[in-house]
């Protein structure tokens, strides 16, 4: 069964999935988290509902069966920003329209008018990291004068209520966005400190796309592309650090085990995680130390 929704409310989507999969939902200050039951896959589905009509959905995991979420509302859609770090999720606008498959680091910015069918598909058997940012058009539609004239026309098209799609390919902006998504997924705070941090990062993701949009329209200079495998290698290097905090590999060892040039690894790591490898390692060690200090029965010396 693939659910169909008459609104674009991402919280409702999560709650419907939780009911369908008989999964528990944990609520914490504007956020809802569902862990996938073992029989349906592994990973999490998470939704944030911020003020003024801004919502963020994150999926990180692997499904046993392909899921398709369909939307058909009598009201115009919000502007959706779809972004993939891993896997090949797909979006579709219109019953007979072609699917748009998002390769890693690819972004699609889109909206469509009332009555038309739209869908999001996450494939089974594939490790996927996928983000959806939902932005109510009323927040930005009156700001078109803030763009250059040509960008303003494209901006108006996206925020007009007519079907409009803008696709951004693999660029340095994609790596920056991947870094923001990773920061969101890695943040282990709770309550208001967590949700305010996530809201800021969600707006930063949208800001990056607007800057990228303005850059592409004005056609100034060239941004170099990175192969989609680069992100996977950087994430692999990060995982090697996190799982070996006590005896962490050196940067040359990390580069060798991640199959990437040492200098390139350092550059990409900073792009994705907004800090150097050594800074990241130090912060992860401090974070683990805080957790250990909070645990019963451990002295500072033991930590």
C-alpha atoms as a PDB file:
ATOM      1  CA  UNK A   1       0.000   0.000   0.000  1.00  0.00           C
ATOM      2  CA  UNK A   2       1.356   3.410  -0.988  1.00  0.00           C
ATOM      3  CA  UNK A   3      -0.394   6.274   0.831  1.00  0.00           C
ATOM      4  CA  UNK A   4      -1.916   9.268  -0.971  1.00  0.00           C
ATOM      5  CA  UNK A   5      -2.337  12.606   0.773  1.00  0.00           C
ATOM      6  CA  UNK A   6      -4.763  15.466   0.208  1.00  0.00           C
ATOM      7  CA  UNK A   7      -2.465  17.973   1.894  1.00  0.00           C
ATOM      8  CA  UNK A   8       1.262  18.671   1.797  1.00  0.00           C
ATOM      9  CA  UNK A   9       1.727  18.316   5.552  1.00  0.00           C
ATOM     10  CA  UNK A  10       4.934  16.329   6.143  1.00  0.00           C
ATOM     11  CA  UNK A  11       4.014  15.651   9.783  1.00  0.00           C
ATOM     12  CA  UNK A  12       0.860  13.924   8.558  1.00  0.00           C
ATOM     13  CA  UNK A  13       3.013  11.893   6.160  1.00  0.00           C
ATOM     14  CA  UNK A  14       5.196  10.648   9.024  1.00  0.00           C
ATOM     15  CA  UNK A  15       2.207   9.829  11.234  1.00  0.00           C
ATOM     16  CA  UNK A  16       0.558   7.907   8.393  1.00  0.00           C
ATOM     17  CA  UNK A  17       3.755   5.919   7.826  1.00  0.00           C
ATOM     18  CA  UNK A  18       4.018   5.188  11.545  1.00  0.00           C
ATOM     19  CA  UNK A  19       0.440   3.857  11.589  1.00  0.00           C
ATOM     20  CA  UNK A  20       0.998   1.855   8.407  1.00  0.00           C
ATOM     21  CA  UNK A  21       4.188   0.287   9.772  1.00  0.00           C
ATOM     22  CA  UNK A  22       2.969   0.036  13.382  1.00  0.00           C
ATOM     23  CA  UNK A  23       5.992   2.055  14.512  1.00  0.00           C
ATOM     24  CA  UNK A  24       6.460   4.296  17.530  1.00  0.00           C
ATOM     25  CA  UNK A  25       6.797   8.057  16.993  1.00  0.00           C
ATOM     26  CA  UNK A  26       8.960  10.090  19.366  1.00  0.00           C
ATOM     27  CA  UNK A  27       7.945  13.750  19.621  1.00  0.00           C
ATOM     28  CA  UNK A  28      10.301  16.432  20.888  1.00  0.00           C
ATOM     29  CA  UNK A  29       9.728  20.174  20.461  1.00  0.00           C
ATOM     30  CA  UNK A  30       8.671  20.603  16.812  1.00  0.00           C
ATOM     31  CA  UNK A  31      10.211  17.300  15.725  1.00  0.00           C
ATOM     32  CA  UNK A  32       8.819  13.820  15.137  1.00  0.00           C
ATOM     33  CA  UNK A  33      11.041  10.748  14.718  1.00  0.00           C
ATOM     34  CA  UNK A  34      10.094   7.244  13.613  1.00  0.00           C
ATOM     35  CA  UNK A  35      12.518   4.337  13.648  1.00  0.00           C
ATOM     36  CA  UNK A  36      11.778   1.820  10.909  1.00  0.00           C
ATOM     37  CA  UNK A  37      10.682  -1.579  12.251  1.00  0.00           C
ATOM     38  CA  UNK A  38      13.077  -4.412  11.348  1.00  0.00           C
ATOM     39  CA  UNK A  39      10.488  -6.059   9.087  1.00  0.00           C
ATOM     40  CA  UNK A  40      10.197  -2.939   6.895  1.00  0.00           C
ATOM     41  CA  UNK A  41      13.838  -1.865   6.839  1.00  0.00           C
ATOM     42  CA  UNK A  42      16.337   0.031   8.969  1.00  0.00           C
ATOM     43  CA  UNK A  43      16.928   3.690   9.689  1.00  0.00           C
ATOM     44  CA  UNK A  44      14.829   6.714  10.595  1.00  0.00           C
ATOM     45  CA  UNK A  45      12.172   8.991   9.156  1.00  0.00           C
ATOM     46  CA  UNK A  46      12.185  12.416  10.804  1.00  0.00           C
ATOM     47  CA  UNK A  47      10.095  15.566  10.314  1.00  0.00           C
ATOM     48  CA  UNK A  48      10.531  19.080  11.722  1.00  0.00           C
ATOM     49  CA  UNK A  49       7.642  21.558  11.687  1.00  0.00           C
ATOM     50  CA  UNK A  50       8.948  25.093  12.164  1.00  0.00           C
ATOM     51  CA  UNK A  51       7.130  28.414  12.383  1.00  0.00           C
ATOM     52  CA  UNK A  52       5.701  30.206   9.332  1.00  0.00           C
ATOM     53  CA  UNK A  53       5.073  27.118   7.200  1.00  0.00           C
ATOM     54  CA  UNK A  54       8.592  25.693   6.969  1.00  0.00           C
ATOM     55  CA  UNK A  55       8.929  21.901   7.253  1.00  0.00           C
ATOM     56  CA  UNK A  56      11.873  19.541   6.849  1.00  0.00           C
ATOM     57  CA  UNK A  57      11.710  15.781   6.227  1.00  0.00           C
ATOM     58  CA  UNK A  58      14.773  13.522   6.504  1.00  0.00           C
ATOM     59  CA  UNK A  59      15.053   9.871   5.589  1.00  0.00           C
ATOM     60  CA  UNK A  60      18.202   7.913   6.396  1.00  0.00           C
ATOM     61  CA  UNK A  61      18.147   4.161   5.957  1.00  0.00           C
ATOM     62  CA  UNK A  62      17.201   1.221   3.793  1.00  0.00           C
ATOM     63  CA  UNK A  63      13.718  -0.065   2.892  1.00  0.00           C
ATOM     64  CA  UNK A  64      12.647  -3.656   2.289  1.00  0.00           C
ATOM     65  CA  UNK A  65       9.915  -2.480  -0.116  1.00  0.00           C
ATOM     66  CA  UNK A  66       9.767   0.573  -2.377  1.00  0.00           C
ATOM     67  CA  UNK A  67       7.532   3.312  -0.975  1.00  0.00           C
ATOM     68  CA  UNK A  68       5.692   5.970  -2.994  1.00  0.00           C
ATOM     69  CA  UNK A  69       4.119   8.958  -1.254  1.00  0.00           C
ATOM     70  CA  UNK A  70       1.575  10.691  -3.498  1.00  0.00           C
ATOM     71  CA  UNK A  71       0.062  14.151  -3.068  1.00  0.00           C
ATOM     72  CA  UNK A  72      -3.035  15.578  -4.758  1.00  0.00           C
ATOM     73  CA  UNK A  73      -4.505  18.676  -3.183  1.00  0.00           C
ATOM     74  CA  UNK A  74      -7.070  21.289  -4.128  1.00  0.00           C
ATOM     75  CA  UNK A  75      -4.556  23.904  -2.994  1.00  0.00           C
ATOM     76  CA  UNK A  76      -1.277  24.967  -4.651  1.00  0.00           C
ATOM     77  CA  UNK A  77       1.760  23.120  -3.361  1.00  0.00           C
ATOM     78  CA  UNK A  78       4.496  24.717  -1.286  1.00  0.00           C
ATOM     79  CA  UNK A  79       7.864  25.097  -2.932  1.00  0.00           C
ATOM     80  CA  UNK A  80       9.708  21.824  -2.385  1.00  0.00           C
ATOM     81  CA  UNK A  81      13.468  21.432  -2.240  1.00  0.00           C
ATOM     82  CA  UNK A  82      14.518  17.787  -2.716  1.00  0.00           C
ATOM     83  CA  UNK A  83      18.112  16.795  -2.024  1.00  0.00           C
ATOM     84  CA  UNK A  84      19.912  13.450  -2.081  1.00  0.00           C
ATOM     85  CA  UNK A  85      23.216  12.522  -0.440  1.00  0.00           C
ATOM     86  CA  UNK A  86      22.979   8.768  -0.983  1.00  0.00           C
ATOM     87  CA  UNK A  87      20.732   6.471  -3.016  1.00  0.00           C
ATOM     88  CA  UNK A  88      18.452   7.390  -5.922  1.00  0.00           C
ATOM     89  CA  UNK A  89      15.129   8.724  -4.661  1.00  0.00           C
ATOM     90  CA  UNK A  90      12.788  10.050  -7.358  1.00  0.00           C
ATOM     91  CA  UNK A  91      10.119  12.732  -7.640  1.00  0.00           C
ATOM     92  CA  UNK A  92       7.345  13.123 -10.194  1.00  0.00           C
ATOM     93  CA  UNK A  93       5.021  16.034 -11.028  1.00  0.00           C
ATOM     94  CA  UNK A  94       1.952  15.062 -13.042  1.00  0.00           C
ATOM     95  CA  UNK A  95       0.516  11.600 -13.599  1.00  0.00           C
ATOM     96  CA  UNK A  96       2.064  11.208 -17.059  1.00  0.00           C
ATOM     97  CA  UNK A  97       5.243  13.182 -16.408  1.00  0.00           C
ATOM     98  CA  UNK A  98       8.666  11.571 -16.345  1.00  0.00           C
ATOM     99  CA  UNK A  99      10.242  10.742 -13.013  1.00  0.00           C
ATOM    100  CA  UNK A 100      13.194  12.831 -11.905  1.00  0.00           C
ATOM    101  CA  UNK A 101      15.757  10.586 -10.224  1.00  0.00           C
ATOM    102  CA  UNK A 102      18.052  12.388  -7.823  1.00  0.00           C
ATOM    103  CA  UNK A 103      21.652  11.251  -7.994  1.00  0.00           C
ATOM    104  CA  UNK A 104      23.820  11.998  -4.927  1.00  0.00           C
ATOM    105  CA  UNK A 105      24.419  15.765  -4.499  1.00  0.00           C
ATOM    106  CA  UNK A 106      21.585  16.663  -6.866  1.00  0.00           C
ATOM    107  CA  UNK A 107      18.858  19.133  -5.891  1.00  0.00           C
ATOM    108  CA  UNK A 108      15.408  19.695  -7.393  1.00  0.00           C
ATOM    109  CA  UNK A 109      13.445  22.848  -6.540  1.00  0.00           C
ATOM    110  CA  UNK A 110       9.805  22.528  -7.643  1.00  0.00           C
ATOM    111  CA  UNK A 111       6.133  23.315  -7.096  1.00  0.00           C
ATOM    112  CA  UNK A 112       2.907  22.592  -8.967  1.00  0.00           C
ATOM    113  CA  UNK A 113      -0.691  23.928  -9.146  1.00  0.00           C
ATOM    114  CA  UNK A 114      -3.811  22.537  -7.446  1.00  0.00           C
ATOM    115  CA  UNK A 115      -5.291  19.224  -8.529  1.00  0.00           C
ATOM    116  CA  UNK A 116      -2.186  17.714 -10.062  1.00  0.00           C
ATOM    117  CA  UNK A 117      -0.680  14.493  -8.749  1.00  0.00           C
ATOM    118  CA  UNK A 118       2.861  14.595  -7.368  1.00  0.00           C
ATOM    119  CA  UNK A 119       4.872  11.798  -5.799  1.00  0.00           C
ATOM    120  CA  UNK A 120       8.081  10.923  -3.956  1.00  0.00           C
ATOM    121  CA  UNK A 121       9.602   7.466  -4.387  1.00  0.00           C
ATOM    122  CA  UNK A 122      12.272   5.794  -2.265  1.00  0.00           C
ATOM    123  CA  UNK A 123      13.609   2.564  -3.732  1.00  0.00           C
ATOM    124  CA  UNK A 124      13.888  -0.671  -1.785  1.00  0.00           C
ATOM    125  CA  UNK A 125      17.247  -2.282  -1.083  1.00  0.00           C
ATOM    126  CA  UNK A 126      19.270   0.931  -1.416  1.00  0.00           C
ATOM    127  CA  UNK A 127      20.951   2.883   1.382  1.00  0.00           C
ATOM    128  CA  UNK A 128      19.396   6.325   1.064  1.00  0.00           C
ATOM    129  CA  UNK A 129      19.900   9.742   2.639  1.00  0.00           C
ATOM    130  CA  UNK A 130      17.199  12.097   1.402  1.00  0.00           C
ATOM    131  CA  UNK A 131      15.956  15.517   2.517  1.00  0.00           C
ATOM    132  CA  UNK A 132      12.764  17.407   1.630  1.00  0.00           C
ATOM    133  CA  UNK A 133      12.369  21.061   2.562  1.00  0.00           C
ATOM    134  CA  UNK A 134       8.812  22.424   2.247  1.00  0.00           C
ATOM    135  CA  UNK A 135       8.545  26.214   1.990  1.00  0.00           C
ATOM    136  CA  UNK A 136       5.247  28.105   1.905  1.00  0.00           C
ATOM    137  CA  UNK A 137       5.372  30.472  -1.068  1.00  0.00           C
ATOM    138  CA  UNK A 138       3.850  33.352   0.886  1.00  0.00           C
ATOM    139  CA  UNK A 139       7.119  33.600   2.815  1.00  0.00           C
ATOM    140  CA  UNK A 140       9.123  34.642  -0.246  1.00  0.00           C
ATOM    141  CA  UNK A 141       6.921  35.413  -3.258  1.00  0.00           C
ATOM    142  CA  UNK A 142       6.945  39.171  -2.549  1.00  0.00           C
ATOM    143  CA  UNK A 143      10.781  39.245  -2.516  1.00  0.00           C
ATOM    144  CA  UNK A 144      11.345  38.712  -6.241  1.00  0.00           C
ATOM    145  CA  UNK A 145      12.696  42.259  -6.579  1.00  0.00           C
ATOM    146  CA  UNK A 146      15.651  41.159  -4.441  1.00  0.00           C
ATOM    147  CA  UNK A 147      17.060  39.170  -7.405  1.00  0.00           C
ATOM    148  CA  UNK A 148      18.650  40.255 -10.655  1.00  0.00           C
ATOM    149  CA  UNK A 149      16.080  40.740 -13.436  1.00  0.00           C
ATOM    150  CA  UNK A 150      16.532  37.324 -15.093  1.00  0.00           C
ATOM    151  CA  UNK A 151      16.708  35.437 -11.800  1.00  0.00           C
ATOM    152  CA  UNK A 152      13.616  37.338 -10.692  1.00  0.00           C
ATOM    153  CA  UNK A 153      11.659  35.923 -13.666  1.00  0.00           C
ATOM    154  CA  UNK A 154      12.675  32.353 -12.818  1.00  0.00           C
ATOM    155  CA  UNK A 155      12.012  32.960  -9.130  1.00  0.00           C
ATOM    156  CA  UNK A 156       8.520  34.246  -9.977  1.00  0.00           C
ATOM    157  CA  UNK A 157       7.855  31.129 -12.063  1.00  0.00           C
ATOM    158  CA  UNK A 158       8.707  28.817  -9.162  1.00  0.00           C
ATOM    159  CA  UNK A 159       6.609  30.820  -6.713  1.00  0.00           C
ATOM    160  CA  UNK A 160       3.685  31.518  -9.064  1.00  0.00           C
ATOM    161  CA  UNK A 161       1.588  28.390  -8.558  1.00  0.00           C
ATOM    162  CA  UNK A 162       2.213  26.953 -12.023  1.00  0.00           C
ATOM    163  CA  UNK A 163       4.242  23.785 -12.558  1.00  0.00           C
ATOM    164  CA  UNK A 164       7.871  24.808 -12.435  1.00  0.00           C
ATOM    165  CA  UNK A 165      10.990  22.738 -11.829  1.00  0.00           C
ATOM    166  CA  UNK A 166      14.601  23.799 -11.392  1.00  0.00           C
ATOM    167  CA  UNK A 167      17.304  21.132 -11.228  1.00  0.00           C
ATOM    168  CA  UNK A 168      20.777  21.694  -9.787  1.00  0.00           C
ATOM    169  CA  UNK A 169      23.515  19.188 -10.640  1.00  0.00           C
ATOM    170  CA  UNK A 170      26.570  18.013  -8.718  1.00  0.00           C
ATOM    171  CA  UNK A 171      28.639  21.058  -7.749  1.00  0.00           C
ATOM    172  CA  UNK A 172      30.453  22.456  -4.758  1.00  0.00           C
ATOM    173  CA  UNK A 173      27.085  23.707  -3.550  1.00  0.00           C
ATOM    174  CA  UNK A 174      25.968  20.080  -3.462  1.00  0.00           C
ATOM    175  CA  UNK A 175      28.853  19.249  -1.128  1.00  0.00           C
ATOM    176  CA  UNK A 176      27.990  22.223   1.078  1.00  0.00           C
ATOM    177  CA  UNK A 177      24.363  21.071   1.272  1.00  0.00           C
ATOM    178  CA  UNK A 178      25.485  17.513   2.047  1.00  0.00           C
ATOM    179  CA  UNK A 179      27.539  18.922   4.910  1.00  0.00           C
ATOM    180  CA  UNK A 180      24.491  20.718   6.321  1.00  0.00           C
ATOM    181  CA  UNK A 181      22.361  17.573   6.081  1.00  0.00           C
ATOM    182  CA  UNK A 182      25.088  15.635   7.895  1.00  0.00           C
ATOM    183  CA  UNK A 183      25.226  18.275  10.641  1.00  0.00           C
ATOM    184  CA  UNK A 184      21.460  17.948  11.083  1.00  0.00           C
ATOM    185  CA  UNK A 185      21.616  14.163  11.289  1.00  0.00           C
ATOM    186  CA  UNK A 186      24.587  14.233  13.677  1.00  0.00           C
ATOM    187  CA  UNK A 187      23.240  16.776  16.177  1.00  0.00           C
ATOM    188  CA  UNK A 188      22.472  14.963  19.436  1.00  0.00           C
ATOM    189  CA  UNK A 189      20.902  17.786  21.456  1.00  0.00           C
ATOM    190  CA  UNK A 190      17.226  17.793  22.392  1.00  0.00           C
ATOM    191  CA  UNK A 191      14.416  20.291  22.849  1.00  0.00           C
ATOM    192  CA  UNK A 192      14.702  23.929  21.791  1.00  0.00           C
ATOM    193  CA  UNK A 193      18.534  23.967  21.456  1.00  0.00           C
ATOM    194  CA  UNK A 194      18.172  21.171  18.884  1.00  0.00           C
ATOM    195  CA  UNK A 195      15.217  22.507  16.882  1.00  0.00           C
ATOM    196  CA  UNK A 196      16.547  26.069  16.655  1.00  0.00           C
ATOM    197  CA  UNK A 197      19.852  24.671  15.361  1.00  0.00           C
ATOM    198  CA  UNK A 198      18.014  22.515  12.786  1.00  0.00           C
ATOM    199  CA  UNK A 199      15.810  25.410  11.668  1.00  0.00           C
ATOM    200  CA  UNK A 200      18.905  27.551  11.103  1.00  0.00           C
ATOM    201  CA  UNK A 201      20.500  24.755   9.039  1.00  0.00           C
ATOM    202  CA  UNK A 202      17.284  24.252   7.031  1.00  0.00           C
ATOM    203  CA  UNK A 203      17.234  27.946   6.137  1.00  0.00           C
ATOM    204  CA  UNK A 204      20.937  27.745   5.298  1.00  0.00           C
ATOM    205  CA  UNK A 205      20.182  24.922   2.848  1.00  0.00           C
ATOM    206  CA  UNK A 206      17.545  27.100   1.178  1.00  0.00           C
ATOM    207  CA  UNK A 207      19.931  30.057   1.176  1.00  0.00           C
ATOM    208  CA  UNK A 208      22.603  27.959  -0.564  1.00  0.00           C
ATOM    209  CA  UNK A 209      20.163  27.041  -3.319  1.00  0.00           C
ATOM    210  CA  UNK A 210      19.137  30.682  -3.813  1.00  0.00           C
ATOM    211  CA  UNK A 211      22.789  31.713  -4.107  1.00  0.00           C
ATOM    212  CA  UNK A 212      23.442  28.846  -6.490  1.00  0.00           C
ATOM    213  CA  UNK A 213      20.425  29.867  -8.528  1.00  0.00           C
ATOM    214  CA  UNK A 214      21.566  33.484  -8.750  1.00  0.00           C
ATOM    215  CA  UNK A 215      25.062  32.319  -9.745  1.00  0.00           C
ATOM    216  CA  UNK A 216      23.841  30.010 -12.513  1.00  0.00           C
ATOM    217  CA  UNK A 217      21.487  32.609 -13.970  1.00  0.00           C
ATOM    218  CA  UNK A 218      24.144  35.309 -13.993  1.00  0.00           C
ATOM    219  CA  UNK A 219      26.579  32.732 -15.504  1.00  0.00           C
ATOM    220  CA  UNK A 220      29.607  34.120 -13.746  1.00  0.00           C
ATOM    221  CA  UNK A 221      32.609  31.806 -13.751  1.00  0.00           C
ATOM    222  CA  UNK A 222      32.578  28.055 -13.452  1.00  0.00           C
ATOM    223  CA  UNK A 223      32.132  25.846 -10.431  1.00  0.00           C
ATOM    224  CA  UNK A 224      33.977  22.574 -10.615  1.00  0.00           C
ATOM    225  CA  UNK A 225      32.000  19.341 -10.342  1.00  0.00           C
ATOM    226  CA  UNK A 226      32.803  16.584  -7.903  1.00  0.00           C
ATOM    227  CA  UNK A 227      32.140  12.955  -8.695  1.00  0.00           C
ATOM    228  CA  UNK A 228      29.179  11.630  -6.682  1.00  0.00           C
ATOM    229  CA  UNK A 229      31.444   8.926  -5.190  1.00  0.00           C
ATOM    230  CA  UNK A 230      33.418  11.647  -3.399  1.00  0.00           C
ATOM    231  CA  UNK A 231      30.720  12.154  -0.770  1.00  0.00           C
ATOM    232  CA  UNK A 232      30.533   8.420  -0.089  1.00  0.00           C
ATOM    233  CA  UNK A 233      34.316   8.339   0.446  1.00  0.00           C
ATOM    234  CA  UNK A 234      34.241  11.317   2.803  1.00  0.00           C
ATOM    235  CA  UNK A 235      31.398   9.783   4.811  1.00  0.00           C
ATOM    236  CA  UNK A 236      33.354   6.516   4.925  1.00  0.00           C
ATOM    237  CA  UNK A 237      36.366   8.408   6.296  1.00  0.00           C
ATOM    238  CA  UNK A 238      34.156  10.075   8.907  1.00  0.00           C
ATOM    239  CA  UNK A 239      32.757   6.691   9.975  1.00  0.00           C
ATOM    240  CA  UNK A 240      36.281   5.292  10.339  1.00  0.00           C
ATOM    241  CA  UNK A 241      37.076   8.155  12.719  1.00  0.00           C
ATOM    242  CA  UNK A 242      33.901   7.825  14.772  1.00  0.00           C
ATOM    243  CA  UNK A 243      34.263   4.058  15.174  1.00  0.00           C
ATOM    244  CA  UNK A 244      37.938   4.320  16.185  1.00  0.00           C
ATOM    245  CA  UNK A 245      38.036   7.347  18.480  1.00  0.00           C
ATOM    246  CA  UNK A 246      40.585   5.819  20.857  1.00  0.00           C
ATOM    247  CA  UNK A 247      43.049   4.779  18.135  1.00  0.00           C
ATOM    248  CA  UNK A 248      41.992   6.940  15.226  1.00  0.00           C
ATOM    249  CA  UNK A 249      43.782   6.423  11.901  1.00  0.00           C
ATOM    250  CA  UNK A 250      46.163   9.129  10.758  1.00  0.00           C
ATOM    251  CA  UNK A 251      45.183  11.239   7.770  1.00  0.00           C
ATOM    252  CA  UNK A 252      47.425   9.221   5.385  1.00  0.00           C
ATOM    253  CA  UNK A 253      45.881   5.986   6.741  1.00  0.00           C
ATOM    254  CA  UNK A 254      42.410   7.469   6.436  1.00  0.00           C
ATOM    255  CA  UNK A 255      43.039   8.483   2.822  1.00  0.00           C
ATOM    256  CA  UNK A 256      44.362   5.016   1.977  1.00  0.00           C
ATOM    257  CA  UNK A 257      41.426   3.203   3.596  1.00  0.00           C
ATOM    258  CA  UNK A 258      38.918   5.554   1.954  1.00  0.00           C
ATOM    259  CA  UNK A 259      40.590   5.220  -1.478  1.00  0.00           C
ATOM    260  CA  UNK A 260      40.978   8.947  -2.026  1.00  0.00           C
ATOM    261  CA  UNK A 261      43.941  11.288  -2.456  1.00  0.00           C
ATOM    262  CA  UNK A 262      45.117  12.702   0.887  1.00  0.00           C
ATOM    263  CA  UNK A 263      44.908  16.361  -0.131  1.00  0.00           C
ATOM    264  CA  UNK A 264      41.529  15.846  -1.784  1.00  0.00           C
ATOM    265  CA  UNK A 265      40.222  14.077   1.314  1.00  0.00           C
ATOM    266  CA  UNK A 266      41.171  17.032   3.514  1.00  0.00           C
ATOM    267  CA  UNK A 267      39.529  19.519   1.155  1.00  0.00           C
ATOM    268  CA  UNK A 268      36.307  17.494   0.712  1.00  0.00           C
ATOM    269  CA  UNK A 269      36.063  16.654   4.418  1.00  0.00           C
ATOM    270  CA  UNK A 270      36.060  20.341   5.276  1.00  0.00           C
ATOM    271  CA  UNK A 271      33.471  21.035   2.552  1.00  0.00           C
ATOM    272  CA  UNK A 272      31.116  18.335   3.808  1.00  0.00           C
ATOM    273  CA  UNK A 273      31.533  18.715   7.581  1.00  0.00           C
ATOM    274  CA  UNK A 274      32.577  22.398   7.812  1.00  0.00           C
ATOM    275  CA  UNK A 275      35.672  21.515   9.869  1.00  0.00           C
ATOM    276  CA  UNK A 276      39.043  19.882   9.398  1.00  0.00           C
ATOM    277  CA  UNK A 277      39.570  16.167  10.052  1.00  0.00           C
ATOM    278  CA  UNK A 278      41.477  16.888  13.285  1.00  0.00           C
ATOM    279  CA  UNK A 279      38.827  19.368  14.474  1.00  0.00           C
ATOM    280  CA  UNK A 280      36.096  16.826  13.805  1.00  0.00           C
ATOM    281  CA  UNK A 281      37.988  14.076  15.644  1.00  0.00           C
ATOM    282  CA  UNK A 282      38.618  16.309  18.668  1.00  0.00           C
ATOM    283  CA  UNK A 283      34.931  17.328  18.870  1.00  0.00           C
ATOM    284  CA  UNK A 284      33.750  13.713  18.599  1.00  0.00           C
ATOM    285  CA  UNK A 285      36.131  12.688  21.380  1.00  0.00           C
ATOM    286  CA  UNK A 286      34.873  15.525  23.595  1.00  0.00           C
ATOM    287  CA  UNK A 287      31.272  14.588  22.821  1.00  0.00           C
ATOM    288  CA  UNK A 288      31.936  10.970  23.807  1.00  0.00           C
ATOM    289  CA  UNK A 289      33.709  12.107  26.976  1.00  0.00           C
ATOM    290  CA  UNK A 290      30.657  14.171  27.989  1.00  0.00           C
ATOM    291  CA  UNK A 291      28.422  11.113  27.545  1.00  0.00           C
ATOM    292  CA  UNK A 292      30.791   8.956  29.593  1.00  0.00           C
ATOM    293  CA  UNK A 293      30.965  11.543  32.382  1.00  0.00           C
ATOM    294  CA  UNK A 294      27.169  11.576  32.527  1.00  0.00           C
ATOM    295  CA  UNK A 295      27.107   7.786  32.933  1.00  0.00           C
ATOM    296  CA  UNK A 296      27.102   6.276  36.404  1.00  0.00           C
ATOM    297  CA  UNK A 297      30.166   4.667  37.875  1.00  0.00           C
ATOM    298  CA  UNK A 298      32.896   6.284  35.764  1.00  0.00           C
ATOM    299  CA  UNK A 299      35.532   8.606  37.147  1.00  0.00           C
ATOM    300  CA  UNK A 300      37.170  11.459  35.257  1.00  0.00           C
ATOM    301  CA  UNK A 301      40.409   9.443  35.198  1.00  0.00           C
ATOM    302  CA  UNK A 302      38.576   6.471  33.584  1.00  0.00           C
ATOM    303  CA  UNK A 303      36.974   8.755  31.009  1.00  0.00           C
END
